[in-house]
Amino acid sequence: MIGVIQRNCARSYEWTIAGLETGVERSADVLCLQQPPRERGEIGISHSAYDIRKRKQVWTAIQKGSGLVVNEKMDLSRGANDDVIATDARRSGEKITRIVNIYDQKDAQLGERERPVRKLNWQRVIQQGGTVLEGDFNAHSKRWDPRCQVQRDAVFLGRRD
């Protein structure tokens, strides 16, 4: 079994490091981080325990020495590659688990009208044998939060077809 932890870092360096340290403390094989801080020039974030795959809005960190063989999938969306990282991971003798890390927010500055989650080819995303979907979907619904006061952006995620 692959241990996965998800965390939204709110563009904070400190929260990103805390997420990586939490992964070490809990022996997580994979960390799915959303909204990592923007890196400037030669200054970047790394961690001795993880290999980090980076996109603009999501990072997926694979624990070094975890025994995971990973393959990043770049052909599952049409234009959401800054907001999605899909990784097939497995250990020897196990089935492949697809780990999809997504930050689902329209980018008003770029004039985006369609959310990244709608740009994914879901028939190809869902992997037989197992798919872990992690992320910040910026959706609010009474379906998964009975205390929700204002529902928004949840219709697509709440579908049952």
Protein backbone atom coordinates (compact mmCIF):
# COMPACT_ATOMS: atom_id res chain seq x y z
CA MET A 1 0.00 0.00 0.00
CA ILE A 2 1.20 3.49 -0.88
CA GLY A 3 0.93 6.14 1.83
CA VAL A 4 -0.16 9.55 0.51
CA ILE A 5 -0.52 12.90 2.31
CA GLN A 6 -2.15 16.01 0.80
CA ARG A 7 -1.61 19.61 1.90
CA ASN A 8 -2.45 23.06 0.58
CA CYS A 9 0.56 25.28 1.26
CA ALA A 10 -1.17 28.65 0.59
CA ARG A 11 2.03 29.80 -1.20
CA SER A 12 3.87 29.69 2.11
CA TYR A 13 7.48 28.55 2.31
CA GLU A 14 7.00 27.56 5.97
CA TRP A 15 3.85 25.52 5.29
CA THR A 16 5.58 23.76 2.40
CA ILE A 17 8.53 22.76 4.58
CA ALA A 18 6.11 21.71 7.35
CA GLY A 19 4.26 19.52 4.83
CA LEU A 20 7.50 17.85 3.77
CA GLU A 21 8.50 17.29 7.41
CA THR A 22 5.05 15.84 8.19
CA GLY A 23 5.64 13.41 5.33
CA VAL A 24 8.92 12.32 6.89
CA GLU A 25 7.38 11.95 10.37
CA ARG A 26 4.50 9.86 9.04
CA SER A 27 6.64 7.89 6.56
CA ALA A 28 4.52 9.02 3.60
CA ASP A 29 5.58 7.60 0.27
CA VAL A 30 4.00 10.48 -1.64
CA LEU A 31 3.12 14.09 -0.79
CA CYS A 32 0.64 16.03 -2.91
CA LEU A 33 1.12 19.75 -2.35
CA GLN A 34 -1.10 22.47 -3.78
CA GLN A 35 -0.28 26.17 -4.04
CA PRO A 36 3.44 25.88 -3.28
CA PRO A 37 5.35 29.16 -2.98
CA ARG A 38 6.57 30.75 -6.18
CA GLU A 39 10.25 30.07 -6.60
CA ARG A 40 12.48 33.01 -7.40
CA GLY A 41 15.55 32.71 -9.60
CA GLU A 42 18.03 30.19 -8.25
CA ILE A 43 16.28 29.95 -4.87
CA GLY A 44 14.15 26.84 -4.72
CA ILE A 45 12.77 24.34 -2.25
CA SER A 46 14.13 20.86 -2.00
CA HIS A 47 14.19 18.18 0.70
CA SER A 48 16.69 15.43 1.36
CA ALA A 49 13.94 12.81 1.84
CA TYR A 50 11.96 13.56 -1.35
CA ASP A 51 12.29 13.91 -5.10
CA ILE A 52 9.90 16.73 -5.98
CA ARG A 53 8.12 17.04 -9.31
CA LYS A 54 7.01 20.64 -9.75
CA ARG A 55 4.35 22.48 -11.70
CA LYS A 56 3.10 26.01 -11.20
CA GLN A 57 0.24 25.15 -8.80
CA VAL A 58 1.04 21.57 -7.68
CA TRP A 59 4.06 19.61 -6.53
CA THR A 60 4.22 15.85 -6.04
CA ALA A 61 7.02 14.60 -3.81
CA ILE A 62 8.14 10.95 -3.94
CA GLN A 63 10.04 9.64 -0.93
CA LYS A 64 13.58 8.57 -1.80
CA GLY A 65 14.18 4.94 -0.90
CA SER A 66 10.45 4.13 -0.88
CA GLY A 67 10.92 1.46 -3.53
CA LEU A 68 8.34 3.14 -5.75
CA VAL A 69 8.78 3.04 -9.49
CA VAL A 70 7.06 6.14 -10.86
CA ASN A 71 5.99 7.29 -14.30
CA GLU A 72 4.53 10.74 -14.82
CA LYS A 73 1.52 10.85 -17.17
CA MET A 74 1.45 13.97 -19.33
CA ASP A 75 -1.35 13.00 -21.71
CA LEU A 76 -4.43 13.07 -19.50
CA SER A 77 -5.56 16.67 -19.88
CA ARG A 78 -5.98 19.37 -22.45
CA GLY A 79 -4.18 22.41 -21.13
CA ALA A 80 -4.25 21.84 -17.36
CA ASN A 81 -0.60 20.84 -16.97
CA ASP A 82 0.27 23.76 -14.63
CA ASP A 83 -2.47 22.58 -12.26
CA VAL A 84 -2.27 18.77 -12.45
CA ILE A 85 0.38 16.10 -11.91
CA ALA A 86 -0.66 12.52 -12.60
CA THR A 87 1.82 9.86 -11.54
CA ASP A 88 1.66 6.10 -11.90
CA ALA A 89 3.43 4.47 -8.94
CA ARG A 90 4.06 0.90 -7.90
CA ARG A 91 6.37 -1.30 -5.94
CA SER A 92 7.67 -4.58 -7.29
CA GLY A 93 4.90 -7.17 -7.38
CA GLU A 94 2.09 -4.62 -6.85
CA LYS A 95 -0.47 -3.16 -9.22
CA ILE A 96 -0.03 0.40 -10.47
CA THR A 97 -1.72 3.12 -8.44
CA ARG A 98 -2.38 6.38 -10.27
CA ILE A 99 -1.94 9.43 -8.03
CA VAL A 100 -3.57 12.58 -9.38
CA ASN A 101 -2.65 15.85 -7.67
CA ILE A 102 -4.79 18.81 -8.74
CA TYR A 103 -5.35 22.46 -7.89
CA ASP A 104 -8.75 23.30 -9.34
CA GLN A 105 -9.17 27.04 -9.66
CA LYS A 106 -9.93 29.22 -12.67
CA ASP A 107 -7.13 31.67 -13.41
CA ALA A 108 -8.91 34.98 -13.98
CA GLN A 109 -5.61 36.68 -14.90
CA LEU A 110 -5.25 34.31 -17.85
CA GLY A 111 -8.89 34.67 -18.77
CA GLU A 112 -9.55 31.02 -17.94
CA ARG A 113 -13.21 30.11 -18.04
CA GLU A 114 -12.87 26.38 -17.58
CA ARG A 115 -11.61 24.79 -14.38
CA PRO A 116 -8.68 22.33 -14.62
CA VAL A 117 -10.80 19.43 -13.31
CA ARG A 118 -12.98 19.76 -16.42
CA LYS A 119 -9.95 19.63 -18.71
CA LEU A 120 -9.04 16.12 -17.58
CA ASN A 121 -9.99 13.12 -19.67
CA TRP A 122 -11.59 11.23 -16.79
CA GLN A 123 -11.98 8.00 -18.77
CA ARG A 124 -8.19 7.94 -19.06
CA VAL A 125 -7.47 9.36 -15.58
CA ILE A 126 -9.21 6.63 -13.61
CA GLN A 127 -6.78 3.71 -13.51
CA GLN A 128 -8.12 0.21 -13.09
CA GLY A 129 -6.54 -1.19 -9.98
CA GLY A 130 -6.58 2.08 -8.12
CA THR A 131 -6.62 5.85 -8.40
CA VAL A 132 -5.86 8.30 -5.61
CA LEU A 133 -7.30 11.74 -6.29
CA GLU A 134 -5.80 14.45 -4.08
CA GLY A 135 -6.13 18.16 -4.31
CA ASP A 136 -7.69 21.46 -3.55
CA PHE A 137 -10.91 21.54 -5.53
CA ASN A 138 -12.19 24.88 -4.22
CA ALA A 139 -15.65 23.31 -4.07
CA HIS A 140 -18.17 23.53 -1.26
CA SER A 141 -21.13 21.17 -0.88
CA LYS A 142 -23.41 19.80 1.81
CA ARG A 143 -22.74 16.39 0.24
CA TRP A 144 -19.30 16.21 1.86
CA ASP A 145 -19.63 18.96 4.48
CA PRO A 146 -23.01 19.02 6.26
CA ARG A 147 -22.07 22.38 7.85
CA CYS A 148 -21.61 24.03 4.45
CA GLN A 149 -23.56 27.28 4.30
CA VAL A 150 -22.95 28.31 0.68
CA GLN A 151 -22.54 25.62 -1.96
CA ARG A 152 -20.32 26.51 -4.92
CA ASP A 153 -18.32 24.85 -7.71
CA ALA A 154 -19.40 21.38 -6.60
CA VAL A 155 -21.83 20.28 -9.32
CA PHE A 156 -19.15 18.64 -11.49
CA LEU A 157 -17.49 16.83 -8.56
CA GLY A 158 -20.81 15.70 -7.11
CA ARG A 159 -22.01 13.93 -10.26
CA ARG A 160 -22.79 10.24 -9.96
CA ASP A 161 -22.82 9.08 -13.58
